[in-house]
């Protein structure tokens, strides 16, 4: 029932009596559903003129108006957008098509690389409205043609994410950079966004891959930063930002390998710096020297050993502080 109300809401205020009559609900029931949506993280405002979604709320209608015509679902709360998108893809009655995107205002069990929890601004003990509409947490179902080059996909997604953020930031704002393999960070190393690629392997081949992105927009967890911090006073409309990201992903995920690697190298904040990499074999310290053609990070350890890191978490040390973990 809350979904029924959510589908009827727009940024234009609607009188409770009008909404209740249209949905066939008692006004008291409508008020109860509105409170439920707010508790789930939906930026629903009760104004003098009626109920309205906060401007820029990334509803399907708002994304269409912003120029994104792909398949998309907007939900109040899920366990994880990654898991919810998989369930949608497996729905025999209405399966998600390739390229489908799903966004939720809040997650009960959001996760990042190596099973970490993905934190959003605010929390269960934060009663303020800032915990809603503070970011974008969404997942995209990747096309089969992308599955043959999985190591490059997080890099392509990072380039796309940065490009879209630059499109929505004012020209004078500090441009964000990329930390290998999956973070968007500021010049001083604070984290703006994280990227998670999950692939399902069956019979030795990749069956499906889902790309998840969490971007801080108007607020961020402790130690991290939001886009709004890079441009004080600038108004970010999340629907326009999400539409820009999805358009950029459509281009970069299909770009030639050399173009992806070139785009990442231009924006990187990892190469040439001292790093500590958390690998499956333990931490490795040294200098990040280059990115290979397959997307691996070449690190020269303090002992002079050359390592190729295909998966790991990089902590920048020395000039840059580490961003918060996703």
C-alpha atoms as a PDB file:
ATOM      1  CA  UNK A   1       0.000   0.000   0.000  1.00  0.00           C
ATOM      2  CA  UNK A   2       2.800   2.555   0.640  1.00  0.00           C
ATOM      3  CA  UNK A   3       3.988   1.813  -2.908  1.00  0.00           C
ATOM      4  CA  UNK A   4       0.558   2.816  -4.196  1.00  0.00           C
ATOM      5  CA  UNK A   5       0.888   6.210  -2.522  1.00  0.00           C
ATOM      6  CA  UNK A   6       4.496   6.614  -3.677  1.00  0.00           C
ATOM      7  CA  UNK A   7       3.467   6.067  -7.295  1.00  0.00           C
ATOM      8  CA  UNK A   8       0.890   8.840  -6.974  1.00  0.00           C
ATOM      9  CA  UNK A   9       3.200  11.432  -5.466  1.00  0.00           C
ATOM     10  CA  UNK A  10       4.946  14.180  -7.436  1.00  0.00           C
ATOM     11  CA  UNK A  11       6.943  17.294  -6.647  1.00  0.00           C
ATOM     12  CA  UNK A  12       3.715  19.307  -6.973  1.00  0.00           C
ATOM     13  CA  UNK A  13       1.758  19.376  -3.687  1.00  0.00           C
ATOM     14  CA  UNK A  14      -1.534  17.484  -3.662  1.00  0.00           C
ATOM     15  CA  UNK A  15      -4.220  17.981  -1.039  1.00  0.00           C
ATOM     16  CA  UNK A  16      -4.663  14.964   1.261  1.00  0.00           C
ATOM     17  CA  UNK A  17      -8.363  14.829   0.480  1.00  0.00           C
ATOM     18  CA  UNK A  18      -7.649  14.759  -3.264  1.00  0.00           C
ATOM     19  CA  UNK A  19      -5.031  12.037  -2.915  1.00  0.00           C
ATOM     20  CA  UNK A  20      -7.196   9.954  -0.600  1.00  0.00           C
ATOM     21  CA  UNK A  21     -10.150  10.126  -2.991  1.00  0.00           C
ATOM     22  CA  UNK A  22      -7.996   9.211  -5.996  1.00  0.00           C
ATOM     23  CA  UNK A  23      -6.505   6.203  -4.208  1.00  0.00           C
ATOM     24  CA  UNK A  24      -9.757   5.137  -2.581  1.00  0.00           C
ATOM     25  CA  UNK A  25      -8.365   5.572   0.923  1.00  0.00           C
ATOM     26  CA  UNK A  26      -9.652   7.056   4.150  1.00  0.00           C
ATOM     27  CA  UNK A  27      -7.721  10.272   4.991  1.00  0.00           C
ATOM     28  CA  UNK A  28      -6.432   8.692   8.207  1.00  0.00           C
ATOM     29  CA  UNK A  29      -5.079   5.730   6.231  1.00  0.00           C
ATOM     30  CA  UNK A  30      -3.411   8.112   3.792  1.00  0.00           C
ATOM     31  CA  UNK A  31      -1.696   9.929   6.657  1.00  0.00           C
ATOM     32  CA  UNK A  32      -0.504   6.606   8.067  1.00  0.00           C
ATOM     33  CA  UNK A  33       0.950   5.569   4.695  1.00  0.00           C
ATOM     34  CA  UNK A  34       2.699   8.930   4.359  1.00  0.00           C
ATOM     35  CA  UNK A  35       4.367   8.411   7.731  1.00  0.00           C
ATOM     36  CA  UNK A  36       5.433   4.919   6.661  1.00  0.00           C
ATOM     37  CA  UNK A  37       7.076   6.270   3.515  1.00  0.00           C
ATOM     38  CA  UNK A  38       8.906   8.935   5.500  1.00  0.00           C
ATOM     39  CA  UNK A  39      10.144   6.290   7.953  1.00  0.00           C
ATOM     40  CA  UNK A  40      11.482   4.264   5.018  1.00  0.00           C
ATOM     41  CA  UNK A  41      13.550   7.211   3.814  1.00  0.00           C
ATOM     42  CA  UNK A  42      11.333   8.695   1.112  1.00  0.00           C
ATOM     43  CA  UNK A  43      11.694  12.518   1.072  1.00  0.00           C
ATOM     44  CA  UNK A  44       7.970  13.141   1.401  1.00  0.00           C
ATOM     45  CA  UNK A  45       7.010  16.553   2.701  1.00  0.00           C
ATOM     46  CA  UNK A  46       3.686  17.545   4.252  1.00  0.00           C
ATOM     47  CA  UNK A  47       3.283  21.166   3.208  1.00  0.00           C
ATOM     48  CA  UNK A  48       0.428  23.607   3.716  1.00  0.00           C
ATOM     49  CA  UNK A  49      -0.564  22.908   0.097  1.00  0.00           C
ATOM     50  CA  UNK A  50      -0.485  19.144   0.605  1.00  0.00           C
ATOM     51  CA  UNK A  51       1.827  16.160   0.186  1.00  0.00           C
ATOM     52  CA  UNK A  52       4.805  16.461  -2.194  1.00  0.00           C
ATOM     53  CA  UNK A  53       8.119  14.798  -2.901  1.00  0.00           C
ATOM     54  CA  UNK A  54      11.206  16.885  -2.323  1.00  0.00           C
ATOM     55  CA  UNK A  55      12.411  18.470  -5.599  1.00  0.00           C
ATOM     56  CA  UNK A  56      14.836  16.211  -7.418  1.00  0.00           C
ATOM     57  CA  UNK A  57      13.541  12.952  -5.958  1.00  0.00           C
ATOM     58  CA  UNK A  58      14.662  10.257  -8.452  1.00  0.00           C
ATOM     59  CA  UNK A  59      11.279   8.823  -9.391  1.00  0.00           C
ATOM     60  CA  UNK A  60      10.788   7.175 -12.809  1.00  0.00           C
ATOM     61  CA  UNK A  61       8.921  10.250 -14.043  1.00  0.00           C
ATOM     62  CA  UNK A  62      11.708  12.560 -12.874  1.00  0.00           C
ATOM     63  CA  UNK A  63      14.348  10.442 -14.622  1.00  0.00           C
ATOM     64  CA  UNK A  64      12.374  10.491 -17.862  1.00  0.00           C
ATOM     65  CA  UNK A  65      12.148  14.263 -17.604  1.00  0.00           C
ATOM     66  CA  UNK A  66      15.926  14.346 -17.072  1.00  0.00           C
ATOM     67  CA  UNK A  67      16.515  12.417 -20.285  1.00  0.00           C
ATOM     68  CA  UNK A  68      16.901   8.795 -19.150  1.00  0.00           C
ATOM     69  CA  UNK A  69      14.580   6.444 -21.037  1.00  0.00           C
ATOM     70  CA  UNK A  70      15.842   3.078 -19.749  1.00  0.00           C
ATOM     71  CA  UNK A  71      14.067   0.622 -17.462  1.00  0.00           C
ATOM     72  CA  UNK A  72      14.170   1.832 -13.874  1.00  0.00           C
ATOM     73  CA  UNK A  73      12.595   1.160 -10.483  1.00  0.00           C
ATOM     74  CA  UNK A  74      12.478   3.512  -7.503  1.00  0.00           C
ATOM     75  CA  UNK A  75      11.871   1.883  -4.105  1.00  0.00           C
ATOM     76  CA  UNK A  76      11.661   3.213  -0.553  1.00  0.00           C
ATOM     77  CA  UNK A  77      13.676   0.544   1.236  1.00  0.00           C
ATOM     78  CA  UNK A  78      15.341  -2.775   0.368  1.00  0.00           C
ATOM     79  CA  UNK A  79      17.785  -5.140   2.027  1.00  0.00           C
ATOM     80  CA  UNK A  80      20.310  -4.369  -0.741  1.00  0.00           C
ATOM     81  CA  UNK A  81      19.857  -2.882  -4.200  1.00  0.00           C
ATOM     82  CA  UNK A  82      22.199  -5.608  -5.498  1.00  0.00           C
ATOM     83  CA  UNK A  83      19.971  -8.379  -4.140  1.00  0.00           C
ATOM     84  CA  UNK A  84      16.740  -6.642  -5.109  1.00  0.00           C
ATOM     85  CA  UNK A  85      17.889  -6.218  -8.703  1.00  0.00           C
ATOM     86  CA  UNK A  86      18.774  -9.919  -8.871  1.00  0.00           C
ATOM     87  CA  UNK A  87      15.305 -10.817  -7.616  1.00  0.00           C
ATOM     88  CA  UNK A  88      13.802  -8.574 -10.269  1.00  0.00           C
ATOM     89  CA  UNK A  89      15.975 -10.197 -12.965  1.00  0.00           C
ATOM     90  CA  UNK A  90      14.756 -13.634 -11.828  1.00  0.00           C
ATOM     91  CA  UNK A  91      11.083 -12.646 -11.749  1.00  0.00           C
ATOM     92  CA  UNK A  92       9.411 -15.038 -14.233  1.00  0.00           C
ATOM     93  CA  UNK A  93       6.478 -12.688 -14.770  1.00  0.00           C
ATOM     94  CA  UNK A  94       8.376  -9.430 -15.286  1.00  0.00           C
ATOM     95  CA  UNK A  95      12.176  -9.944 -15.425  1.00  0.00           C
ATOM     96  CA  UNK A  96      14.472  -6.952 -15.410  1.00  0.00           C
ATOM     97  CA  UNK A  97      15.994  -6.430 -18.862  1.00  0.00           C
ATOM     98  CA  UNK A  98      19.691  -5.863 -19.470  1.00  0.00           C
ATOM     99  CA  UNK A  99      20.615  -2.331 -18.464  1.00  0.00           C
ATOM    100  CA  UNK A 100      17.821  -2.033 -15.916  1.00  0.00           C
ATOM    101  CA  UNK A 101      18.559   0.165 -12.897  1.00  0.00           C
ATOM    102  CA  UNK A 102      17.099   0.068  -9.392  1.00  0.00           C
ATOM    103  CA  UNK A 103      17.478   2.696  -6.678  1.00  0.00           C
ATOM    104  CA  UNK A 104      16.397   2.619  -3.045  1.00  0.00           C
ATOM    105  CA  UNK A 105      16.283   5.468  -0.556  1.00  0.00           C
ATOM    106  CA  UNK A 106      17.520   3.197   2.231  1.00  0.00           C
ATOM    107  CA  UNK A 107      19.075  -0.248   2.623  1.00  0.00           C
ATOM    108  CA  UNK A 108      18.837  -2.614   5.564  1.00  0.00           C
ATOM    109  CA  UNK A 109      21.953  -4.567   4.565  1.00  0.00           C
ATOM    110  CA  UNK A 110      23.893  -2.488   2.053  1.00  0.00           C
ATOM    111  CA  UNK A 111      27.367  -3.821   1.410  1.00  0.00           C
ATOM    112  CA  UNK A 112      30.637  -2.992  -0.280  1.00  0.00           C
ATOM    113  CA  UNK A 113      33.813  -4.795  -1.231  1.00  0.00           C
ATOM    114  CA  UNK A 114      34.918  -7.709   0.981  1.00  0.00           C
ATOM    115  CA  UNK A 115      31.557  -7.750   2.759  1.00  0.00           C
ATOM    116  CA  UNK A 116      31.843  -4.289   4.306  1.00  0.00           C
ATOM    117  CA  UNK A 117      28.720  -2.380   5.218  1.00  0.00           C
ATOM    118  CA  UNK A 118      27.834   0.542   2.939  1.00  0.00           C
ATOM    119  CA  UNK A 119      26.939   3.423   5.252  1.00  0.00           C
ATOM    120  CA  UNK A 120      24.507   6.161   4.313  1.00  0.00           C
ATOM    121  CA  UNK A 121      24.242   9.545   5.959  1.00  0.00           C
ATOM    122  CA  UNK A 122      22.317   9.505   9.198  1.00  0.00           C
ATOM    123  CA  UNK A 123      21.126   6.216  10.583  1.00  0.00           C
ATOM    124  CA  UNK A 124      18.478   4.558  12.672  1.00  0.00           C
ATOM    125  CA  UNK A 125      19.329   6.816  15.609  1.00  0.00           C
ATOM    126  CA  UNK A 126      19.278   9.975  13.486  1.00  0.00           C
ATOM    127  CA  UNK A 127      15.774  11.467  13.487  1.00  0.00           C
ATOM    128  CA  UNK A 128      16.669  14.371  11.211  1.00  0.00           C
ATOM    129  CA  UNK A 129      15.415  14.648   7.644  1.00  0.00           C
ATOM    130  CA  UNK A 130      19.037  14.770   6.462  1.00  0.00           C
ATOM    131  CA  UNK A 131      19.197  10.979   6.504  1.00  0.00           C
ATOM    132  CA  UNK A 132      16.733  10.942   3.601  1.00  0.00           C
ATOM    133  CA  UNK A 133      17.559  12.161   0.116  1.00  0.00           C
ATOM    134  CA  UNK A 134      21.220  12.484   1.091  1.00  0.00           C
ATOM    135  CA  UNK A 135      22.664  10.299  -1.638  1.00  0.00           C
ATOM    136  CA  UNK A 136      22.141   7.866  -4.478  1.00  0.00           C
ATOM    137  CA  UNK A 137      22.337   4.122  -3.849  1.00  0.00           C
ATOM    138  CA  UNK A 138      21.534   2.057  -6.917  1.00  0.00           C
ATOM    139  CA  UNK A 139      22.408  -1.007  -8.988  1.00  0.00           C
ATOM    140  CA  UNK A 140      22.535  -1.741 -12.715  1.00  0.00           C
ATOM    141  CA  UNK A 141      22.147  -5.102 -14.491  1.00  0.00           C
ATOM    142  CA  UNK A 142      25.029  -5.408 -16.933  1.00  0.00           C
ATOM    143  CA  UNK A 143      24.776  -6.631 -20.511  1.00  0.00           C
ATOM    144  CA  UNK A 144      26.209 -10.054 -21.501  1.00  0.00           C
ATOM    145  CA  UNK A 145      28.726  -8.429 -23.840  1.00  0.00           C
ATOM    146  CA  UNK A 146      30.342  -6.745 -20.835  1.00  0.00           C
ATOM    147  CA  UNK A 147      31.003  -9.951 -18.928  1.00  0.00           C
ATOM    148  CA  UNK A 148      34.168 -10.925 -20.794  1.00  0.00           C
ATOM    149  CA  UNK A 149      36.188  -8.093 -19.278  1.00  0.00           C
ATOM    150  CA  UNK A 150      35.076  -7.911 -15.679  1.00  0.00           C
ATOM    151  CA  UNK A 151      38.334  -6.391 -14.269  1.00  0.00           C
ATOM    152  CA  UNK A 152      37.863  -3.262 -16.389  1.00  0.00           C
ATOM    153  CA  UNK A 153      34.218  -2.668 -15.506  1.00  0.00           C
ATOM    154  CA  UNK A 154      34.762  -1.018 -12.078  1.00  0.00           C
ATOM    155  CA  UNK A 155      37.324   1.266 -13.737  1.00  0.00           C
ATOM    156  CA  UNK A 156      34.861   2.146 -16.515  1.00  0.00           C
ATOM    157  CA  UNK A 157      32.162   2.778 -13.919  1.00  0.00           C
ATOM    158  CA  UNK A 158      34.495   5.071 -11.994  1.00  0.00           C
ATOM    159  CA  UNK A 159      35.276   7.112 -15.093  1.00  0.00           C
ATOM    160  CA  UNK A 160      31.553   7.364 -15.898  1.00  0.00           C
ATOM    161  CA  UNK A 161      30.667   8.365 -12.354  1.00  0.00           C
ATOM    162  CA  UNK A 162      33.319  11.071 -12.272  1.00  0.00           C
ATOM    163  CA  UNK A 163      32.238  12.400 -15.676  1.00  0.00           C
ATOM    164  CA  UNK A 164      28.615  12.681 -14.538  1.00  0.00           C
ATOM    165  CA  UNK A 165      29.596  14.402 -11.288  1.00  0.00           C
ATOM    166  CA  UNK A 166      31.696  16.924 -13.216  1.00  0.00           C
ATOM    167  CA  UNK A 167      28.694  17.552 -15.458  1.00  0.00           C
ATOM    168  CA  UNK A 168      26.574  18.444 -12.428  1.00  0.00           C
ATOM    169  CA  UNK A 169      29.224  20.319 -10.426  1.00  0.00           C
ATOM    170  CA  UNK A 170      29.870  24.029 -11.063  1.00  0.00           C
ATOM    171  CA  UNK A 171      33.027  24.749 -13.045  1.00  0.00           C
ATOM    172  CA  UNK A 172      34.826  26.247 -10.045  1.00  0.00           C
ATOM    173  CA  UNK A 173      34.364  23.174  -7.852  1.00  0.00           C
ATOM    174  CA  UNK A 174      37.226  20.844  -7.005  1.00  0.00           C
ATOM    175  CA  UNK A 175      37.168  17.922  -9.462  1.00  0.00           C
ATOM    176  CA  UNK A 176      37.024  14.507  -7.779  1.00  0.00           C
ATOM    177  CA  UNK A 177      39.493  11.768  -8.658  1.00  0.00           C
ATOM    178  CA  UNK A 178      39.630   7.971  -8.773  1.00  0.00           C
ATOM    179  CA  UNK A 179      41.318   5.607  -6.357  1.00  0.00           C
ATOM    180  CA  UNK A 180      42.053   2.114  -7.621  1.00  0.00           C
ATOM    181  CA  UNK A 181      39.979   0.090  -8.008  1.00  0.00           C
ATOM    182  CA  UNK A 182      36.584   1.388  -6.970  1.00  0.00           C
ATOM    183  CA  UNK A 183      36.406   4.736  -5.172  1.00  0.00           C
ATOM    184  CA  UNK A 184      35.654   8.332  -6.115  1.00  0.00           C
ATOM    185  CA  UNK A 185      37.611  10.612  -3.780  1.00  0.00           C
ATOM    186  CA  UNK A 186      38.502  14.232  -3.142  1.00  0.00           C
ATOM    187  CA  UNK A 187      41.978  15.722  -3.468  1.00  0.00           C
ATOM    188  CA  UNK A 188      42.597  15.101   0.248  1.00  0.00           C
ATOM    189  CA  UNK A 189      41.455  11.486   0.024  1.00  0.00           C
ATOM    190  CA  UNK A 190      37.961  11.685   1.478  1.00  0.00           C
ATOM    191  CA  UNK A 191      35.471   9.310  -0.070  1.00  0.00           C
ATOM    192  CA  UNK A 192      32.612  10.527  -2.263  1.00  0.00           C
ATOM    193  CA  UNK A 193      31.441   7.236  -3.725  1.00  0.00           C
ATOM    194  CA  UNK A 194      32.106   3.522  -3.877  1.00  0.00           C
ATOM    195  CA  UNK A 195      31.565   0.986  -6.633  1.00  0.00           C
ATOM    196  CA  UNK A 196      30.803  -2.708  -6.182  1.00  0.00           C
ATOM    197  CA  UNK A 197      30.800  -5.271  -8.996  1.00  0.00           C
ATOM    198  CA  UNK A 198      29.309  -8.679  -8.200  1.00  0.00           C
ATOM    199  CA  UNK A 199      29.427 -11.502 -10.746  1.00  0.00           C
ATOM    200  CA  UNK A 200      27.684 -14.873 -10.639  1.00  0.00           C
ATOM    201  CA  UNK A 201      29.767 -17.720 -11.987  1.00  0.00           C
ATOM    202  CA  UNK A 202      28.232 -21.038 -13.012  1.00  0.00           C
ATOM    203  CA  UNK A 203      30.003 -23.865 -14.757  1.00  0.00           C
ATOM    204  CA  UNK A 204      33.180 -21.843 -15.048  1.00  0.00           C
ATOM    205  CA  UNK A 205      31.546 -18.938 -16.902  1.00  0.00           C
ATOM    206  CA  UNK A 206      30.059 -15.654 -15.769  1.00  0.00           C
ATOM    207  CA  UNK A 207      26.274 -15.876 -15.883  1.00  0.00           C
ATOM    208  CA  UNK A 208      25.385 -12.398 -14.721  1.00  0.00           C
ATOM    209  CA  UNK A 209      26.947  -9.274 -13.237  1.00  0.00           C
ATOM    210  CA  UNK A 210      25.400  -6.476 -11.202  1.00  0.00           C
ATOM    211  CA  UNK A 211      27.096  -3.117 -10.663  1.00  0.00           C
ATOM    212  CA  UNK A 212      26.309  -1.190  -7.498  1.00  0.00           C
ATOM    213  CA  UNK A 213      27.116   2.462  -6.805  1.00  0.00           C
ATOM    214  CA  UNK A 214      26.727   4.490  -3.637  1.00  0.00           C
ATOM    215  CA  UNK A 215      27.265   8.246  -4.010  1.00  0.00           C
ATOM    216  CA  UNK A 216      27.111  10.811  -1.212  1.00  0.00           C
ATOM    217  CA  UNK A 217      25.309  13.910  -2.458  1.00  0.00           C
ATOM    218  CA  UNK A 218      24.095  16.318   0.230  1.00  0.00           C
ATOM    219  CA  UNK A 219      25.453  14.514   3.299  1.00  0.00           C
ATOM    220  CA  UNK A 220      27.927  11.768   4.126  1.00  0.00           C
ATOM    221  CA  UNK A 221      28.962   9.393   6.922  1.00  0.00           C
ATOM    222  CA  UNK A 222      31.732  10.543   9.296  1.00  0.00           C
ATOM    223  CA  UNK A 223      35.072  10.824   7.520  1.00  0.00           C
ATOM    224  CA  UNK A 224      33.530  10.866   4.053  1.00  0.00           C
ATOM    225  CA  UNK A 225      32.230  13.783   2.006  1.00  0.00           C
ATOM    226  CA  UNK A 226      29.282  14.649  -0.226  1.00  0.00           C
ATOM    227  CA  UNK A 227      29.206  16.432  -3.565  1.00  0.00           C
ATOM    228  CA  UNK A 228      27.556  19.373  -1.844  1.00  0.00           C
ATOM    229  CA  UNK A 229      30.730  19.863   0.215  1.00  0.00           C
ATOM    230  CA  UNK A 230      32.648  20.491  -3.007  1.00  0.00           C
ATOM    231  CA  UNK A 231      30.228  23.216  -4.075  1.00  0.00           C
ATOM    232  CA  UNK A 232      28.685  24.997  -1.075  1.00  0.00           C
ATOM    233  CA  UNK A 233      25.419  26.658  -1.998  1.00  0.00           C
ATOM    234  CA  UNK A 234      25.010  24.704  -5.238  1.00  0.00           C
ATOM    235  CA  UNK A 235      21.681  22.887  -5.563  1.00  0.00           C
ATOM    236  CA  UNK A 236      21.928  19.252  -6.633  1.00  0.00           C
ATOM    237  CA  UNK A 237      18.846  17.577  -8.053  1.00  0.00           C
ATOM    238  CA  UNK A 238      19.321  13.882  -7.518  1.00  0.00           C
ATOM    239  CA  UNK A 239      17.137  12.857 -10.462  1.00  0.00           C
ATOM    240  CA  UNK A 240      19.283  14.852 -12.880  1.00  0.00           C
ATOM    241  CA  UNK A 241      22.480  13.528 -11.293  1.00  0.00           C
ATOM    242  CA  UNK A 242      21.299   9.912 -11.513  1.00  0.00           C
ATOM    243  CA  UNK A 243      20.186  10.337 -15.126  1.00  0.00           C
ATOM    244  CA  UNK A 244      23.625  11.763 -15.977  1.00  0.00           C
ATOM    245  CA  UNK A 245      25.362   8.803 -14.282  1.00  0.00           C
ATOM    246  CA  UNK A 246      23.226   6.210 -16.064  1.00  0.00           C
ATOM    247  CA  UNK A 247      23.832   7.866 -19.437  1.00  0.00           C
ATOM    248  CA  UNK A 248      27.572   7.986 -18.792  1.00  0.00           C
ATOM    249  CA  UNK A 249      27.611   4.331 -17.706  1.00  0.00           C
ATOM    250  CA  UNK A 250      25.907   3.365 -20.956  1.00  0.00           C
ATOM    251  CA  UNK A 251      28.782   4.869 -22.899  1.00  0.00           C
ATOM    252  CA  UNK A 252      31.789   3.962 -20.768  1.00  0.00           C
ATOM    253  CA  UNK A 253      30.874   0.337 -20.083  1.00  0.00           C
ATOM    254  CA  UNK A 254      30.888  -0.240 -23.854  1.00  0.00           C
ATOM    255  CA  UNK A 255      33.986   1.850 -24.579  1.00  0.00           C
ATOM    256  CA  UNK A 256      37.172   0.241 -25.961  1.00  0.00           C
ATOM    257  CA  UNK A 257      39.603  -1.046 -23.340  1.00  0.00           C
ATOM    258  CA  UNK A 258      42.250   1.543 -24.226  1.00  0.00           C
ATOM    259  CA  UNK A 259      39.754   4.382 -23.856  1.00  0.00           C
ATOM    260  CA  UNK A 260      38.657   3.142 -20.409  1.00  0.00           C
ATOM    261  CA  UNK A 261      42.239   2.794 -19.215  1.00  0.00           C
ATOM    262  CA  UNK A 262      43.136   6.209 -20.594  1.00  0.00           C
ATOM    263  CA  UNK A 263      40.157   7.849 -18.923  1.00  0.00           C
ATOM    264  CA  UNK A 264      41.007   6.233 -15.607  1.00  0.00           C
ATOM    265  CA  UNK A 265      44.685   7.183 -15.762  1.00  0.00           C
ATOM    266  CA  UNK A 266      43.802  10.839 -16.386  1.00  0.00           C
ATOM    267  CA  UNK A 267      41.565  10.949 -13.298  1.00  0.00           C
ATOM    268  CA  UNK A 268      43.557   8.658 -10.994  1.00  0.00           C
ATOM    269  CA  UNK A 269      44.757   9.586  -7.507  1.00  0.00           C
ATOM    270  CA  UNK A 270      46.686   6.341  -6.955  1.00  0.00           C
ATOM    271  CA  UNK A 271      49.561   6.045  -9.425  1.00  0.00           C
ATOM    272  CA  UNK A 272      52.877   7.481  -8.281  1.00  0.00           C
ATOM    273  CA  UNK A 273      51.880   7.416  -4.611  1.00  0.00           C
ATOM    274  CA  UNK A 274      52.783   5.184  -1.710  1.00  0.00           C
ATOM    275  CA  UNK A 275      50.026   2.740  -0.982  1.00  0.00           C
ATOM    276  CA  UNK A 276      49.127  -0.084   1.306  1.00  0.00           C
ATOM    277  CA  UNK A 277      47.098  -2.783  -0.393  1.00  0.00           C
ATOM    278  CA  UNK A 278      44.977  -5.249   1.531  1.00  0.00           C
ATOM    279  CA  UNK A 279      45.246  -8.451  -0.464  1.00  0.00           C
ATOM    280  CA  UNK A 280      44.060 -11.980   0.271  1.00  0.00           C
ATOM    281  CA  UNK A 281      47.606 -12.729   1.400  1.00  0.00           C
ATOM    282  CA  UNK A 282      47.789  -9.784   3.772  1.00  0.00           C
ATOM    283  CA  UNK A 283      48.813  -6.112   3.538  1.00  0.00           C
ATOM    284  CA  UNK A 284      51.432  -5.011   0.998  1.00  0.00           C
ATOM    285  CA  UNK A 285      53.141  -1.586   1.116  1.00  0.00           C
ATOM    286  CA  UNK A 286      55.023   0.153  -1.660  1.00  0.00           C
ATOM    287  CA  UNK A 287      54.587   2.546  -4.559  1.00  0.00           C
ATOM    288  CA  UNK A 288      51.774   2.241  -7.084  1.00  0.00           C
ATOM    289  CA  UNK A 289      53.604   2.528 -10.391  1.00  0.00           C
ATOM    290  CA  UNK A 290      51.198   1.830 -13.216  1.00  0.00           C
ATOM    291  CA  UNK A 291      47.935   0.336 -14.380  1.00  0.00           C
ATOM    292  CA  UNK A 292      48.290  -2.642 -16.712  1.00  0.00           C
ATOM    293  CA  UNK A 293      46.255  -3.137 -19.869  1.00  0.00           C
ATOM    294  CA  UNK A 294      44.073  -5.638 -18.011  1.00  0.00           C
ATOM    295  CA  UNK A 295      43.345  -3.201 -15.164  1.00  0.00           C
ATOM    296  CA  UNK A 296      45.779  -4.612 -12.606  1.00  0.00           C
ATOM    297  CA  UNK A 297      47.722  -2.321 -10.293  1.00  0.00           C
ATOM    298  CA  UNK A 298      51.501  -2.690 -10.397  1.00  0.00           C
ATOM    299  CA  UNK A 299      53.062  -2.055  -6.995  1.00  0.00           C
ATOM    300  CA  UNK A 300      56.769  -2.009  -6.205  1.00  0.00           C
ATOM    301  CA  UNK A 301      57.155  -3.041  -2.578  1.00  0.00           C
ATOM    302  CA  UNK A 302      59.593  -1.527  -0.113  1.00  0.00           C
ATOM    303  CA  UNK A 303      61.751  -4.619  -0.655  1.00  0.00           C
ATOM    304  CA  UNK A 304      61.866  -3.933  -4.401  1.00  0.00           C
ATOM    305  CA  UNK A 305      59.520  -6.724  -5.419  1.00  0.00           C
ATOM    306  CA  UNK A 306      57.152  -6.006  -8.323  1.00  0.00           C
ATOM    307  CA  UNK A 307      53.595  -7.168  -7.650  1.00  0.00           C
ATOM    308  CA  UNK A 308      50.566  -7.187  -9.906  1.00  0.00           C
ATOM    309  CA  UNK A 309      47.459  -6.624  -7.792  1.00  0.00           C
ATOM    310  CA  UNK A 310      44.312  -7.901  -9.446  1.00  0.00           C
ATOM    311  CA  UNK A 311      42.023  -7.455  -6.464  1.00  0.00           C
ATOM    312  CA  UNK A 312      42.588  -5.611  -3.244  1.00  0.00           C
ATOM    313  CA  UNK A 313      41.770  -2.524  -1.249  1.00  0.00           C
ATOM    314  CA  UNK A 314      44.190   0.363  -1.616  1.00  0.00           C
ATOM    315  CA  UNK A 315      44.941   2.793   1.174  1.00  0.00           C
ATOM    316  CA  UNK A 316      46.773   5.926   0.099  1.00  0.00           C
ATOM    317  CA  UNK A 317      49.500   6.916   2.519  1.00  0.00           C
ATOM    318  CA  UNK A 318      51.833   9.885   2.678  1.00  0.00           C
ATOM    319  CA  UNK A 319      50.331  12.872   0.873  1.00  0.00           C
ATOM    320  CA  UNK A 320      46.761  11.596   0.892  1.00  0.00           C
ATOM    321  CA  UNK A 321      44.739  10.225   3.756  1.00  0.00           C
ATOM    322  CA  UNK A 322      42.631   7.142   3.219  1.00  0.00           C
ATOM    323  CA  UNK A 323      38.963   7.584   2.446  1.00  0.00           C
ATOM    324  CA  UNK A 324      36.370   5.847   4.560  1.00  0.00           C
ATOM    325  CA  UNK A 325      35.741   2.266   3.566  1.00  0.00           C
ATOM    326  CA  UNK A 326      32.681   1.293   1.689  1.00  0.00           C
END
